[in-house]
Amino acid sequence: MTPELERTLESLLFLSADPVPAPALADATGAELHEVMTALERLREHYEFERRGFVVRELAGGWALSSHPEAEAAARRLLAKPRTPPLTAAQAETLAIVAYLQPVSRPEIARIRGVSAESAAGTLLERGLIEESGRSQFGAVLYRTTDLFLKLFGLHQVADLPAIAGFDPSPEFEQELRERLLRAGEARAGVVGVTGGGPTFATEPRRDDDA
């Protein structure tokens, strides 16, 4: 039954626009879960061994049939016109903060970035990259990333995000980041901060013009 099951799974993955959980594949095929997992692994090995243009990947809690990474450059040229505008710097920063600190509130994002996160967070919500995840103890809405975020960034789970330890910023950016974090800590604590230029006070974040 394995070759037949593999062919059926291959067809289901080809037809599905989103990653499909293994239990759903088992229900659809009428096979046992362990049989489906074995067949999926065999399919993945087959594509790798044959060096085909497709690969079987585990993404966002499910399984998907996707193009081979080596075809990325050609695919980008073929599909050069984006369906949606690329993320702005403000949106990318906001998304990174949510991804690494989730669940996190909009005021916390604003304090870390030093600017209002309202516009950027709103756009990320509209695109389906983040979603609401309850409220903080102070009543602020909390945000987390979505399965669409995992799918678009090729991640199986949030834990697969690159380690912060691998981040190697320039000295100038490191100093800017350090000052931002210090100001964020002062704002969160609600105390007077001291910098080389004299005392500074926690203030409302400025509006985010580049969101």
C-alpha atoms as a PDB file:
ATOM      1  CA  MET A   1       0.000   0.000   0.000  1.00  0.00           C
ATOM      2  CA  THR A   2       2.969   2.324   0.504  1.00  0.00           C
ATOM      3  CA  PRO A   3       3.498   3.305  -3.181  1.00  0.00           C
ATOM      4  CA  GLU A   4      -0.226   3.943  -3.578  1.00  0.00           C
ATOM      5  CA  LEU A   5      -0.334   5.941  -0.350  1.00  0.00           C
ATOM      6  CA  GLU A   6       2.686   7.966  -1.428  1.00  0.00           C
ATOM      7  CA  ARG A   7       1.040   8.823  -4.750  1.00  0.00           C
ATOM      8  CA  THR A   8      -2.161   9.846  -2.989  1.00  0.00           C
ATOM      9  CA  LEU A   9      -0.303  12.013  -0.470  1.00  0.00           C
ATOM     10  CA  GLU A  10       1.669  13.607  -3.278  1.00  0.00           C
ATOM     11  CA  SER A  11      -1.588  14.524  -5.022  1.00  0.00           C
ATOM     12  CA  LEU A  12      -3.128  15.932  -1.833  1.00  0.00           C
ATOM     13  CA  LEU A  13      -0.091  18.086  -1.114  1.00  0.00           C
ATOM     14  CA  PHE A  14      -0.084  19.330  -4.703  1.00  0.00           C
ATOM     15  CA  LEU A  15      -3.762  20.292  -4.463  1.00  0.00           C
ATOM     16  CA  SER A  16      -3.491  22.063  -1.104  1.00  0.00           C
ATOM     17  CA  ALA A  17      -2.487  25.720  -1.034  1.00  0.00           C
ATOM     18  CA  ASP A  18      -1.573  25.484   2.664  1.00  0.00           C
ATOM     19  CA  PRO A  19       0.466  22.995   4.707  1.00  0.00           C
ATOM     20  CA  VAL A  20      -1.683  19.997   5.707  1.00  0.00           C
ATOM     21  CA  PRO A  21      -1.359  18.407   9.181  1.00  0.00           C
ATOM     22  CA  ALA A  22      -0.531  14.703   9.152  1.00  0.00           C
ATOM     23  CA  PRO A  23      -3.759  13.739  11.000  1.00  0.00           C
ATOM     24  CA  ALA A  24      -5.805  15.462   8.270  1.00  0.00           C
ATOM     25  CA  LEU A  25      -3.908  13.501   5.631  1.00  0.00           C
ATOM     26  CA  ALA A  26      -4.596  10.295   7.567  1.00  0.00           C
ATOM     27  CA  ASP A  27      -8.322  11.094   7.685  1.00  0.00           C
ATOM     28  CA  ALA A  28      -8.391  11.860   3.967  1.00  0.00           C
ATOM     29  CA  THR A  29      -6.560   8.699   2.929  1.00  0.00           C
ATOM     30  CA  GLY A  30      -8.041   6.359   5.524  1.00  0.00           C
ATOM     31  CA  ALA A  31      -4.537   5.279   6.545  1.00  0.00           C
ATOM     32  CA  GLU A  32      -3.023   5.070  10.007  1.00  0.00           C
ATOM     33  CA  LEU A  33      -1.103   8.114  11.191  1.00  0.00           C
ATOM     34  CA  HIS A  34       2.175   6.189  11.426  1.00  0.00           C
ATOM     35  CA  GLU A  35       1.676   4.944   7.853  1.00  0.00           C
ATOM     36  CA  VAL A  36       1.170   8.512   6.647  1.00  0.00           C
ATOM     37  CA  MET A  37       4.283   9.717   8.475  1.00  0.00           C
ATOM     38  CA  THR A  38       6.340   6.910   6.961  1.00  0.00           C
ATOM     39  CA  ALA A  39       5.021   7.652   3.475  1.00  0.00           C
ATOM     40  CA  LEU A  40       5.738  11.383   3.868  1.00  0.00           C
ATOM     41  CA  GLU A  41       9.314  10.683   4.922  1.00  0.00           C
ATOM     42  CA  ARG A  42       9.744   8.327   1.969  1.00  0.00           C
ATOM     43  CA  LEU A  43       8.409  11.010  -0.364  1.00  0.00           C
ATOM     44  CA  ARG A  44      10.800  13.552   1.086  1.00  0.00           C
ATOM     45  CA  GLU A  45      13.741  11.185   0.666  1.00  0.00           C
ATOM     46  CA  HIS A  46      12.667  10.340  -2.876  1.00  0.00           C
ATOM     47  CA  TYR A  47      12.588  13.984  -3.954  1.00  0.00           C
ATOM     48  CA  GLU A  48      15.964  14.639  -2.340  1.00  0.00           C
ATOM     49  CA  PHE A  49      17.555  11.578  -3.921  1.00  0.00           C
ATOM     50  CA  GLU A  50      16.153  12.309  -7.384  1.00  0.00           C
ATOM     51  CA  ARG A  51      17.060  16.013  -7.054  1.00  0.00           C
ATOM     52  CA  ARG A  52      13.653  17.020  -8.356  1.00  0.00           C
ATOM     53  CA  GLY A  53      12.302  20.549  -8.626  1.00  0.00           C
ATOM     54  CA  PHE A  54       9.952  19.920  -5.708  1.00  0.00           C
ATOM     55  CA  VAL A  55      10.694  19.177  -2.063  1.00  0.00           C
ATOM     56  CA  VAL A  56       8.418  17.874   0.692  1.00  0.00           C
ATOM     57  CA  ARG A  57       8.674  20.133   3.726  1.00  0.00           C
ATOM     58  CA  GLU A  58       7.184  20.319   7.202  1.00  0.00           C
ATOM     59  CA  LEU A  59       5.860  23.866   7.628  1.00  0.00           C
ATOM     60  CA  ALA A  60       3.561  25.688  10.053  1.00  0.00           C
ATOM     61  CA  GLY A  61       2.359  22.503  11.723  1.00  0.00           C
ATOM     62  CA  GLY A  62       1.714  20.633   8.478  1.00  0.00           C
ATOM     63  CA  TRP A  63       3.262  19.177   5.337  1.00  0.00           C
ATOM     64  CA  ALA A  64       3.637  20.928   1.985  1.00  0.00           C
ATOM     65  CA  LEU A  65       4.972  20.373  -1.502  1.00  0.00           C
ATOM     66  CA  SER A  66       7.138  23.353  -2.435  1.00  0.00           C
ATOM     67  CA  SER A  67       9.692  24.396  -5.016  1.00  0.00           C
ATOM     68  CA  HIS A  68      13.343  23.512  -4.489  1.00  0.00           C
ATOM     69  CA  PRO A  69      15.392  26.275  -2.794  1.00  0.00           C
ATOM     70  CA  GLU A  70      17.873  26.225  -5.687  1.00  0.00           C
ATOM     71  CA  ALA A  71      15.104  27.508  -7.965  1.00  0.00           C
ATOM     72  CA  GLU A  72      14.540  30.621  -5.832  1.00  0.00           C
ATOM     73  CA  ALA A  73      16.526  33.028  -8.015  1.00  0.00           C
ATOM     74  CA  ALA A  74      14.766  31.914 -11.197  1.00  0.00           C
ATOM     75  CA  ALA A  75      11.399  31.970  -9.460  1.00  0.00           C
ATOM     76  CA  ARG A  76      11.977  35.531  -8.267  1.00  0.00           C
ATOM     77  CA  ARG A  77      12.754  36.634 -11.813  1.00  0.00           C
ATOM     78  CA  LEU A  78       9.665  34.870 -13.145  1.00  0.00           C
ATOM     79  CA  LEU A  79       7.419  36.309 -10.455  1.00  0.00           C
ATOM     80  CA  ALA A  80       9.200  39.655 -10.183  1.00  0.00           C
ATOM     81  CA  LYS A  81       6.003  41.662  -9.814  1.00  0.00           C
ATOM     82  CA  PRO A  82       4.935  41.256  -6.162  1.00  0.00           C
ATOM     83  CA  ARG A  83       1.309  40.564  -5.374  1.00  0.00           C
ATOM     84  CA  THR A  84       1.561  42.791  -2.329  1.00  0.00           C
ATOM     85  CA  PRO A  85       3.965  45.646  -1.518  1.00  0.00           C
ATOM     86  CA  PRO A  86       7.117  44.629   0.383  1.00  0.00           C
ATOM     87  CA  LEU A  87       7.283  45.356   4.090  1.00  0.00           C
ATOM     88  CA  THR A  88       8.549  48.788   5.044  1.00  0.00           C
ATOM     89  CA  ALA A  89      11.383  49.122   7.544  1.00  0.00           C
ATOM     90  CA  ALA A  90       8.856  50.011  10.254  1.00  0.00           C
ATOM     91  CA  GLN A  91       6.707  46.964   9.482  1.00  0.00           C
ATOM     92  CA  ALA A  92       9.734  44.662   9.366  1.00  0.00           C
ATOM     93  CA  GLU A  93      10.977  45.964  12.733  1.00  0.00           C
ATOM     94  CA  THR A  94       7.536  45.526  14.279  1.00  0.00           C
ATOM     95  CA  LEU A  95       7.189  42.012  12.883  1.00  0.00           C
ATOM     96  CA  ALA A  96      10.617  41.046  14.244  1.00  0.00           C
ATOM     97  CA  ILE A  97       9.719  42.320  17.712  1.00  0.00           C
ATOM     98  CA  VAL A  98       6.448  40.370  17.713  1.00  0.00           C
ATOM     99  CA  ALA A  99       8.170  37.227  16.419  1.00  0.00           C
ATOM    100  CA  TYR A 100      10.861  37.195  19.103  1.00  0.00           C
ATOM    101  CA  LEU A 101       8.929  38.607  22.084  1.00  0.00           C
ATOM    102  CA  GLN A 102       5.407  37.252  21.481  1.00  0.00           C
ATOM    103  CA  PRO A 103       2.965  37.722  22.954  1.00  0.00           C
ATOM    104  CA  VAL A 104       3.766  41.433  23.074  1.00  0.00           C
ATOM    105  CA  SER A 105       1.598  44.552  23.275  1.00  0.00           C
ATOM    106  CA  ARG A 106       1.598  47.561  20.971  1.00  0.00           C
ATOM    107  CA  PRO A 107       2.824  49.937  23.724  1.00  0.00           C
ATOM    108  CA  GLU A 108       5.767  47.597  24.373  1.00  0.00           C
ATOM    109  CA  ILE A 109       6.592  47.547  20.654  1.00  0.00           C
ATOM    110  CA  ALA A 110       6.458  51.353  20.566  1.00  0.00           C
ATOM    111  CA  ARG A 111       8.789  51.651  23.555  1.00  0.00           C
ATOM    112  CA  ILE A 112      11.332  49.289  22.011  1.00  0.00           C
ATOM    113  CA  ARG A 113      11.264  50.992  18.607  1.00  0.00           C
ATOM    114  CA  GLY A 114      11.036  54.496  20.025  1.00  0.00           C
ATOM    115  CA  VAL A 115       8.141  55.341  17.682  1.00  0.00           C
ATOM    116  CA  SER A 116       4.445  54.578  17.479  1.00  0.00           C
ATOM    117  CA  ALA A 117       3.679  51.059  16.233  1.00  0.00           C
ATOM    118  CA  GLU A 118       0.017  51.674  15.445  1.00  0.00           C
ATOM    119  CA  SER A 119       0.271  51.950  11.657  1.00  0.00           C
ATOM    120  CA  ALA A 120       2.830  49.172  11.230  1.00  0.00           C
ATOM    121  CA  ALA A 121       0.941  46.759  13.485  1.00  0.00           C
ATOM    122  CA  GLY A 122      -2.307  47.562  11.703  1.00  0.00           C
ATOM    123  CA  THR A 123      -0.797  46.689   8.331  1.00  0.00           C
ATOM    124  CA  LEU A 124       0.655  43.427   9.669  1.00  0.00           C
ATOM    125  CA  LEU A 125      -2.770  42.540  11.037  1.00  0.00           C
ATOM    126  CA  GLU A 126      -4.395  43.242   7.675  1.00  0.00           C
ATOM    127  CA  ARG A 127      -1.846  41.056   5.891  1.00  0.00           C
ATOM    128  CA  GLY A 128      -2.431  38.220   8.332  1.00  0.00           C
ATOM    129  CA  LEU A 129       1.161  38.078   9.580  1.00  0.00           C
ATOM    130  CA  ILE A 130       0.204  38.786  13.195  1.00  0.00           C
ATOM    131  CA  GLU A 131      -2.975  38.295  15.203  1.00  0.00           C
ATOM    132  CA  GLU A 132      -4.425  39.215  18.591  1.00  0.00           C
ATOM    133  CA  SER A 133      -3.508  36.914  21.468  1.00  0.00           C
ATOM    134  CA  GLY A 134      -5.433  38.096  24.525  1.00  0.00           C
ATOM    135  CA  ARG A 135      -4.666  41.095  26.709  1.00  0.00           C
ATOM    136  CA  SER A 136      -1.889  42.071  29.092  1.00  0.00           C
ATOM    137  CA  GLN A 137      -2.437  42.675  32.778  1.00  0.00           C
ATOM    138  CA  PHE A 138      -2.861  46.360  31.931  1.00  0.00           C
ATOM    139  CA  GLY A 139      -5.547  45.691  29.334  1.00  0.00           C
ATOM    140  CA  ALA A 140      -3.435  46.205  26.208  1.00  0.00           C
ATOM    141  CA  VAL A 141      -3.999  43.858  23.268  1.00  0.00           C
ATOM    142  CA  LEU A 142      -1.240  41.273  22.850  1.00  0.00           C
ATOM    143  CA  TYR A 143       0.012  40.131  19.456  1.00  0.00           C
ATOM    144  CA  ARG A 144       1.610  36.960  18.136  1.00  0.00           C
ATOM    145  CA  THR A 145       2.645  35.701  14.707  1.00  0.00           C
ATOM    146  CA  THR A 146       0.355  33.534  12.586  1.00  0.00           C
ATOM    147  CA  ASP A 147       0.689  30.316  10.606  1.00  0.00           C
ATOM    148  CA  LEU A 148       0.926  32.491   7.479  1.00  0.00           C
ATOM    149  CA  PHE A 149       4.059  34.087   8.951  1.00  0.00           C
ATOM    150  CA  LEU A 150       5.580  30.622   9.465  1.00  0.00           C
ATOM    151  CA  LYS A 151       4.678  29.585   5.945  1.00  0.00           C
ATOM    152  CA  LEU A 152       6.059  32.715   4.267  1.00  0.00           C
ATOM    153  CA  PHE A 153       9.326  32.548   6.206  1.00  0.00           C
ATOM    154  CA  GLY A 154       9.734  28.783   5.743  1.00  0.00           C
ATOM    155  CA  LEU A 155       9.483  27.896   9.441  1.00  0.00           C
ATOM    156  CA  HIS A 156       7.891  24.859  11.060  1.00  0.00           C
ATOM    157  CA  GLN A 157       7.493  26.635  14.409  1.00  0.00           C
ATOM    158  CA  VAL A 158       8.486  29.898  16.080  1.00  0.00           C
ATOM    159  CA  ALA A 159      11.343  28.109  17.857  1.00  0.00           C
ATOM    160  CA  ASP A 160      13.020  27.738  14.450  1.00  0.00           C
ATOM    161  CA  LEU A 161      13.690  31.490  14.240  1.00  0.00           C
ATOM    162  CA  PRO A 162      17.419  32.325  13.927  1.00  0.00           C
ATOM    163  CA  ALA A 163      19.117  32.710  17.297  1.00  0.00           C
ATOM    164  CA  ILE A 164      19.665  36.268  18.461  1.00  0.00           C
ATOM    165  CA  ALA A 165      23.228  35.255  19.335  1.00  0.00           C
ATOM    166  CA  GLY A 166      23.986  35.120  15.616  1.00  0.00           C
ATOM    167  CA  PHE A 167      23.127  38.809  15.167  1.00  0.00           C
ATOM    168  CA  ASP A 168      26.282  40.837  14.490  1.00  0.00           C
ATOM    169  CA  PRO A 169      25.384  44.547  14.095  1.00  0.00           C
ATOM    170  CA  SER A 170      27.758  47.323  13.146  1.00  0.00           C
ATOM    171  CA  PRO A 171      29.206  49.377  16.046  1.00  0.00           C
ATOM    172  CA  GLU A 172      27.050  52.357  15.053  1.00  0.00           C
ATOM    173  CA  PHE A 173      23.835  50.346  14.944  1.00  0.00           C
ATOM    174  CA  GLU A 174      24.761  48.557  18.165  1.00  0.00           C
ATOM    175  CA  GLN A 175      25.114  51.899  19.950  1.00  0.00           C
ATOM    176  CA  GLU A 176      21.793  53.124  18.555  1.00  0.00           C
ATOM    177  CA  LEU A 177      20.117  49.883  19.600  1.00  0.00           C
ATOM    178  CA  ARG A 178      21.643  50.090  23.074  1.00  0.00           C
ATOM    179  CA  GLU A 179      20.319  53.643  23.547  1.00  0.00           C
ATOM    180  CA  ARG A 180      16.857  52.610  22.327  1.00  0.00           C
ATOM    181  CA  LEU A 181      16.712  49.709  24.769  1.00  0.00           C
ATOM    182  CA  LEU A 182      17.885  51.923  27.620  1.00  0.00           C
ATOM    183  CA  ARG A 183      15.168  54.442  26.841  1.00  0.00           C
ATOM    184  CA  ALA A 184      12.642  51.613  26.577  1.00  0.00           C
ATOM    185  CA  GLY A 185      13.634  50.333  29.994  1.00  0.00           C
ATOM    186  CA  GLU A 186      13.367  53.805  31.498  1.00  0.00           C
ATOM    187  CA  ALA A 187       9.942  54.321  29.915  1.00  0.00           C
ATOM    188  CA  ARG A 188       8.689  50.973  31.187  1.00  0.00           C
ATOM    189  CA  ALA A 189       9.963  51.701  34.700  1.00  0.00           C
ATOM    190  CA  GLY A 190       8.620  55.265  34.576  1.00  0.00           C
ATOM    191  CA  VAL A 191      11.810  56.732  36.015  1.00  0.00           C
ATOM    192  CA  VAL A 192      14.230  59.481  35.039  1.00  0.00           C
ATOM    193  CA  GLY A 193      17.056  58.167  32.884  1.00  0.00           C
ATOM    194  CA  VAL A 194      20.572  59.534  32.719  1.00  0.00           C
ATOM    195  CA  THR A 195      22.597  59.690  29.514  1.00  0.00           C
ATOM    196  CA  GLY A 196      25.796  61.389  28.507  1.00  0.00           C
ATOM    197  CA  GLY A 197      23.800  64.446  27.510  1.00  0.00           C
ATOM    198  CA  GLY A 198      22.079  64.899  30.846  1.00  0.00           C
ATOM    199  CA  PRO A 199      18.823  63.603  32.365  1.00  0.00           C
ATOM    200  CA  THR A 200      16.041  62.433  30.087  1.00  0.00           C
ATOM    201  CA  PHE A 201      12.447  61.714  30.955  1.00  0.00           C
ATOM    202  CA  ALA A 202      10.144  58.985  29.704  1.00  0.00           C
ATOM    203  CA  THR A 203       7.836  60.466  27.100  1.00  0.00           C
ATOM    204  CA  GLU A 204       5.163  59.310  24.728  1.00  0.00           C
ATOM    205  CA  PRO A 205       6.679  57.702  21.602  1.00  0.00           C
ATOM    206  CA  ARG A 206       6.657  59.878  18.492  1.00  0.00           C
ATOM    207  CA  ARG A 207       4.443  59.005  15.558  1.00  0.00           C
ATOM    208  CA  ASP A 208       5.764  56.448  13.105  1.00  0.00           C
ATOM    209  CA  ASP A 209       6.038  58.293   9.781  1.00  0.00           C
ATOM    210  CA  ASP A 210       7.541  55.427   7.762  1.00  0.00           C
ATOM    211  CA  ALA A 211       4.891  52.799   8.581  1.00  0.00           C
END
